[in-house]
């Protein structure tokens, strides 16, 4: 997962690697399925992710 984050230029801040990107649907498909309900004005691509830590403590 670290390699995937580096390739996408995403910085993971104080979070564990327990959040699998593969668990999410591609946003383009989701928005296409909802096109009669939404009007897209812009696309946001985060480069920094801040989450609670995973509670793991290294020795």
PDB file of N, CA and C in Angstrom:
ATOM      1  N   UNK A   1       0.820  -1.180   0.000  1.00  0.00           N
ATOM      2  CA  UNK A   1       0.000   0.000   0.000  1.00  0.00           C
ATOM      3  C   UNK A   1       0.870   1.253   0.000  1.00  0.00           C
ATOM      4  N   UNK A   2       2.006   1.196   0.680  1.00  0.00           N
ATOM      5  CA  UNK A   2       2.891   2.373   0.707  1.00  0.00           C
ATOM      6  C   UNK A   2       3.321   2.758  -0.706  1.00  0.00           C
ATOM      7  N   UNK A   3       3.628   1.762  -1.540  1.00  0.00           N
ATOM      8  CA  UNK A   3       4.034   2.035  -2.916  1.00  0.00           C
ATOM      9  C   UNK A   3       2.903   2.732  -3.669  1.00  0.00           C
ATOM     10  N   UNK A   4       1.674   2.277  -3.490  1.00  0.00           N
ATOM     11  CA  UNK A   4       0.514   2.878  -4.141  1.00  0.00           C
ATOM     12  C   UNK A   4       0.356   4.337  -3.726  1.00  0.00           C
ATOM     13  N   UNK A   5       0.529   4.623  -2.451  1.00  0.00           N
ATOM     14  CA  UNK A   5       0.416   6.001  -1.965  1.00  0.00           C
ATOM     15  C   UNK A   5       1.497   6.893  -2.571  1.00  0.00           C
ATOM     16  N   UNK A   6       2.712   6.381  -2.647  1.00  0.00           N
ATOM     17  CA  UNK A   6       3.816   7.149  -3.225  1.00  0.00           C
ATOM     18  C   UNK A   6       3.540   7.436  -4.702  1.00  0.00           C
ATOM     19  N   UNK A   7       3.086   6.419  -5.443  1.00  0.00           N
ATOM     20  CA  UNK A   7       2.791   6.600  -6.868  1.00  0.00           C
ATOM     21  C   UNK A   7       1.703   7.641  -7.095  1.00  0.00           C
ATOM     22  N   UNK A   8       0.753   7.741  -6.176  1.00  0.00           N
ATOM     23  CA  UNK A   8      -0.348   8.705  -6.307  1.00  0.00           C
ATOM     24  C   UNK A   8      -0.021  10.036  -5.644  1.00  0.00           C
ATOM     25  N   UNK A   9       1.206  10.160  -5.134  1.00  0.00           N
ATOM     26  CA  UNK A   9       1.673  11.382  -4.467  1.00  0.00           C
ATOM     27  C   UNK A   9       0.761  11.776  -3.308  1.00  0.00           C
ATOM     28  N   UNK A  10       0.363  10.787  -2.505  1.00  0.00           N
ATOM     29  CA  UNK A  10      -0.477  11.028  -1.332  1.00  0.00           C
ATOM     30  C   UNK A  10       0.378  10.885  -0.088  1.00  0.00           C
ATOM     31  N   UNK A  11       0.250  11.830   0.835  1.00  0.00           N
ATOM     32  CA  UNK A  11       0.956  11.769   2.106  1.00  0.00           C
ATOM     33  C   UNK A  11      -0.014  11.317   3.176  1.00  0.00           C
ATOM     34  N   UNK A  12       0.279  10.219   3.830  1.00  0.00           N
ATOM     35  CA  UNK A  12      -0.559   9.685   4.893  1.00  0.00           C
ATOM     36  C   UNK A  12      -0.018  10.199   6.215  1.00  0.00           C
ATOM     37  N   UNK A  13      -0.834  10.941   6.953  1.00  0.00           N
ATOM     38  CA  UNK A  13      -0.401  11.580   8.191  1.00  0.00           C
ATOM     39  C   UNK A  13      -1.041  10.882   9.387  1.00  0.00           C
ATOM     40  N   UNK A  14      -0.241  10.327  10.270  1.00  0.00           N
ATOM     41  CA  UNK A  14      -0.644   9.715  11.543  1.00  0.00           C
ATOM     42  C   UNK A  14      -1.747   8.678  11.435  1.00  0.00           C
ATOM     43  N   UNK A  15      -1.782   7.935  10.360  1.00  0.00           N
ATOM     44  CA  UNK A  15      -2.783   6.882  10.217  1.00  0.00           C
ATOM     45  C   UNK A  15      -2.084   5.574   9.894  1.00  0.00           C
ATOM     46  N   UNK A  16      -2.771   4.485  10.162  1.00  0.00           N
ATOM     47  CA  UNK A  16      -2.238   3.183   9.823  1.00  0.00           C
ATOM     48  C   UNK A  16      -2.577   2.845   8.382  1.00  0.00           C
ATOM     49  N   UNK A  17      -2.073   1.724   7.911  1.00  0.00           N
ATOM     50  CA  UNK A  17      -2.333   1.299   6.542  1.00  0.00           C
ATOM     51  C   UNK A  17      -3.535   0.353   6.474  1.00  0.00           C
ATOM     52  N   UNK A  18      -4.463   0.481   7.426  1.00  0.00           N
ATOM     53  CA  UNK A  18      -5.615  -0.415   7.460  1.00  0.00           C
ATOM     54  C   UNK A  18      -6.763   0.065   6.570  1.00  0.00           C
ATOM     55  N   UNK A  19      -6.607   1.182   5.935  1.00  0.00           N
ATOM     56  CA  UNK A  19      -7.647   1.744   5.070  1.00  0.00           C
ATOM     57  C   UNK A  19      -7.305   1.376   3.632  1.00  0.00           C
ATOM     58  N   UNK A  20      -7.893   0.310   3.114  1.00  0.00           N
ATOM     59  CA  UNK A  20      -7.553  -0.194   1.788  1.00  0.00           C
ATOM     60  C   UNK A  20      -8.238   0.608   0.690  1.00  0.00           C
ATOM     61  N   UNK A  21      -7.473   1.227  -0.211  1.00  0.00           N
ATOM     62  CA  UNK A  21      -8.075   2.006  -1.291  1.00  0.00           C
ATOM     63  C   UNK A  21      -8.990   1.175  -2.176  1.00  0.00           C
ATOM     64  N   UNK A  22      -8.729  -0.115  -2.307  1.00  0.00           N
ATOM     65  CA  UNK A  22      -9.551  -0.986  -3.139  1.00  0.00           C
ATOM     66  C   UNK A  22     -10.961  -1.175  -2.625  1.00  0.00           C
ATOM     67  N   UNK A  23     -11.214  -0.733  -1.411  1.00  0.00           N
ATOM     68  CA  UNK A  23     -12.548  -0.881  -0.833  1.00  0.00           C
ATOM     69  C   UNK A  23     -13.524   0.163  -1.374  1.00  0.00           C
ATOM     70  N   UNK A  24     -13.018   1.136  -2.089  1.00  0.00           N
ATOM     71  CA  UNK A  24     -13.845   2.225  -2.588  1.00  0.00           C
ATOM     72  C   UNK A  24     -14.103   2.091  -4.077  1.00  0.00           C
ATOM     73  N   UNK A  25     -15.289   2.480  -4.509  1.00  0.00           N
ATOM     74  CA  UNK A  25     -15.628   2.467  -5.933  1.00  0.00           C
ATOM     75  C   UNK A  25     -14.998   3.688  -6.600  1.00  0.00           C
ATOM     76  N   UNK A  26     -14.650   3.556  -7.877  1.00  0.00           N
ATOM     77  CA  UNK A  26     -14.145   4.727  -8.602  1.00  0.00           C
ATOM     78  C   UNK A  26     -15.226   5.821  -8.650  1.00  0.00           C
ATOM     79  N   UNK A  27     -14.855   7.037  -8.296  1.00  0.00           N
ATOM     80  CA  UNK A  27     -15.819   8.126  -8.184  1.00  0.00           C
ATOM     81  C   UNK A  27     -16.508   8.423  -9.510  1.00  0.00           C
ATOM     82  N   UNK A  28     -15.805   8.234 -10.628  1.00  0.00           N
ATOM     83  CA  UNK A  28     -16.410   8.515 -11.928  1.00  0.00           C
ATOM     84  C   UNK A  28     -17.641   7.642 -12.163  1.00  0.00           C
ATOM     85  N   UNK A  29     -17.556   6.363 -11.819  1.00  0.00           N
ATOM     86  CA  UNK A  29     -18.691   5.457 -11.981  1.00  0.00           C
ATOM     87  C   UNK A  29     -19.841   5.791 -11.047  1.00  0.00           C
ATOM     88  N   UNK A  30     -19.501   6.178  -9.829  1.00  0.00           N
ATOM     89  CA  UNK A  30     -20.528   6.561  -8.847  1.00  0.00           C
ATOM     90  C   UNK A  30     -21.271   7.803  -9.325  1.00  0.00           C
ATOM     91  N   UNK A  31     -20.526   8.804  -9.785  1.00  0.00           N
ATOM     92  CA  UNK A  31     -21.151  10.042 -10.249  1.00  0.00           C
ATOM     93  C   UNK A  31     -21.975   9.807 -11.510  1.00  0.00           C
ATOM     94  N   UNK A  32     -21.498   8.957 -12.399  1.00  0.00           N
ATOM     95  CA  UNK A  32     -22.247   8.643 -13.617  1.00  0.00           C
ATOM     96  C   UNK A  32     -23.585   7.994 -13.272  1.00  0.00           C
ATOM     97  N   UNK A  33     -23.569   7.103 -12.285  1.00  0.00           N
ATOM     98  CA  UNK A  33     -24.804   6.430 -11.869  1.00  0.00           C
ATOM     99  C   UNK A  33     -25.804   7.393 -11.233  1.00  0.00           C
ATOM    100  N   UNK A  34     -25.311   8.534 -10.753  1.00  0.00           N
ATOM    101  CA  UNK A  34     -26.173   9.506 -10.072  1.00  0.00           C
ATOM    102  C   UNK A  34     -26.373  10.786 -10.889  1.00  0.00           C
ATOM    103  N   UNK A  35     -26.050  10.746 -12.175  1.00  0.00           N
ATOM    104  CA  UNK A  35     -26.044  11.972 -12.971  1.00  0.00           C
ATOM    105  C   UNK A  35     -27.388  12.696 -13.022  1.00  0.00           C
ATOM    106  N   UNK A  36     -28.483  11.976 -12.804  1.00  0.00           N
ATOM    107  CA  UNK A  36     -29.786  12.656 -12.792  1.00  0.00           C
ATOM    108  C   UNK A  36     -30.055  13.343 -11.452  1.00  0.00           C
ATOM    109  N   UNK A  37     -29.210  13.104 -10.470  1.00  0.00           N
ATOM    110  CA  UNK A  37     -29.401  13.685  -9.138  1.00  0.00           C
ATOM    111  C   UNK A  37     -28.392  14.778  -8.787  1.00  0.00           C
ATOM    112  N   UNK A  38     -27.297  14.849  -9.549  1.00  0.00           N
ATOM    113  CA  UNK A  38     -26.233  15.784  -9.186  1.00  0.00           C
ATOM    114  C   UNK A  38     -25.767  16.593 -10.381  1.00  0.00           C
ATOM    115  N   UNK A  39     -25.150  17.720 -10.096  1.00  0.00           N
ATOM    116  CA  UNK A  39     -24.494  18.542 -11.112  1.00  0.00           C
ATOM    117  C   UNK A  39     -23.045  18.730 -10.653  1.00  0.00           C
ATOM    118  N   UNK A  40     -22.114  18.168 -11.379  1.00  0.00           N
ATOM    119  CA  UNK A  40     -20.708  18.254 -11.002  1.00  0.00           C
ATOM    120  C   UNK A  40     -20.186  19.653 -11.323  1.00  0.00           C
ATOM    121  N   UNK A  41     -19.597  20.272 -10.319  1.00  0.00           N
ATOM    122  CA  UNK A  41     -19.035  21.621 -10.495  1.00  0.00           C
ATOM    123  C   UNK A  41     -17.519  21.596 -10.501  1.00  0.00           C
ATOM    124  N   UNK A  42     -16.930  20.630  -9.815  1.00  0.00           N
ATOM    125  CA  UNK A  42     -15.473  20.545  -9.734  1.00  0.00           C
ATOM    126  C   UNK A  42     -15.089  19.149  -9.269  1.00  0.00           C
ATOM    127  N   UNK A  43     -13.826  18.848  -9.397  1.00  0.00           N
ATOM    128  CA  UNK A  43     -13.309  17.564  -8.926  1.00  0.00           C
ATOM    129  C   UNK A  43     -12.175  17.852  -7.949  1.00  0.00           C
ATOM    130  N   UNK A  44     -12.260  17.269  -6.763  1.00  0.00           N
ATOM    131  CA  UNK A  44     -11.271  17.451  -5.710  1.00  0.00           C
ATOM    132  C   UNK A  44     -10.408  16.205  -5.614  1.00  0.00           C
ATOM    133  N   UNK A  45      -9.103  16.362  -5.669  1.00  0.00           N
ATOM    134  CA  UNK A  45      -8.180  15.240  -5.540  1.00  0.00           C
ATOM    135  C   UNK A  45      -7.265  15.493  -4.355  1.00  0.00           C
ATOM    136  N   UNK A  46      -7.562  14.861  -3.215  1.00  0.00           N
ATOM    137  CA  UNK A  46      -6.735  15.096  -2.027  1.00  0.00           C
ATOM    138  C   UNK A  46      -5.318  14.581  -2.216  1.00  0.00           C
ATOM    139  N   UNK A  47      -4.380  15.280  -1.630  1.00  0.00           N
ATOM    140  CA  UNK A  47      -2.978  14.877  -1.653  1.00  0.00           C
ATOM    141  C   UNK A  47      -2.460  14.579  -0.254  1.00  0.00           C
ATOM    142  N   UNK A  48      -3.223  14.965   0.758  1.00  0.00           N
ATOM    143  CA  UNK A  48      -2.863  14.662   2.141  1.00  0.00           C
ATOM    144  C   UNK A  48      -4.075  14.037   2.811  1.00  0.00           C
ATOM    145  N   UNK A  49      -3.847  12.933   3.502  1.00  0.00           N
ATOM    146  CA  UNK A  49      -4.928  12.245   4.209  1.00  0.00           C
ATOM    147  C   UNK A  49      -4.612  12.269   5.694  1.00  0.00           C
ATOM    148  N   UNK A  50      -5.526  12.779   6.515  1.00  0.00           N
ATOM    149  CA  UNK A  50      -5.347  12.833   7.970  1.00  0.00           C
ATOM    150  C   UNK A  50      -6.425  11.997   8.610  1.00  0.00           C
ATOM    151  N   UNK A  51      -6.027  10.948   9.300  1.00  0.00           N
ATOM    152  CA  UNK A  51      -6.969  10.049   9.954  1.00  0.00           C
ATOM    153  C   UNK A  51      -6.474   9.755  11.357  1.00  0.00           C
ATOM    154  N   UNK A  52      -7.352   9.199  12.165  1.00  0.00           N
ATOM    155  CA  UNK A  52      -6.936   8.749  13.489  1.00  0.00           C
ATOM    156  C   UNK A  52      -5.942   7.606  13.318  1.00  0.00           C
ATOM    157  N   UNK A  53      -4.997   7.470  14.241  1.00  0.00           N
ATOM    158  CA  UNK A  53      -4.052   6.365  14.108  1.00  0.00           C
ATOM    159  C   UNK A  53      -4.766   5.039  14.326  1.00  0.00           C
ATOM    160  N   UNK A  54      -4.092   3.965  13.930  1.00  0.00           N
ATOM    161  CA  UNK A  54      -4.704   2.641  14.019  1.00  0.00           C
ATOM    162  C   UNK A  54      -4.541   1.995  15.399  1.00  0.00           C
ATOM    163  N   UNK A  55      -3.936   2.705  16.340  1.00  0.00           N
ATOM    164  CA  UNK A  55      -3.753   2.177  17.699  1.00  0.00           C
ATOM    165  C   UNK A  55      -2.574   1.249  17.854  1.00  0.00           C
ATOM    166  N   UNK A  56      -1.871   0.961  16.743  1.00  0.00           N
ATOM    167  CA  UNK A  56      -0.727   0.062  16.772  1.00  0.00           C
ATOM    168  C   UNK A  56       0.468   0.767  17.403  1.00  0.00           C
ATOM    169  N   UNK A  57       1.117   0.096  18.337  1.00  0.00           N
ATOM    170  CA  UNK A  57       2.292   0.645  18.996  1.00  0.00           C
ATOM    171  C   UNK A  57       3.476  -0.253  18.677  1.00  0.00           C
ATOM    172  N   UNK A  58       4.500   0.322  18.047  1.00  0.00           N
ATOM    173  CA  UNK A  58       5.704  -0.456  17.735  1.00  0.00           C
ATOM    174  C   UNK A  58       6.592  -0.517  18.947  1.00  0.00           C
ATOM    175  N   UNK A  59       7.267  -1.646  19.134  1.00  0.00           N
ATOM    176  CA  UNK A  59       8.210  -1.806  20.255  1.00  0.00           C
ATOM    177  C   UNK A  59       9.555  -1.238  19.914  1.00  0.00           C
TER     178      UNK A  59
END
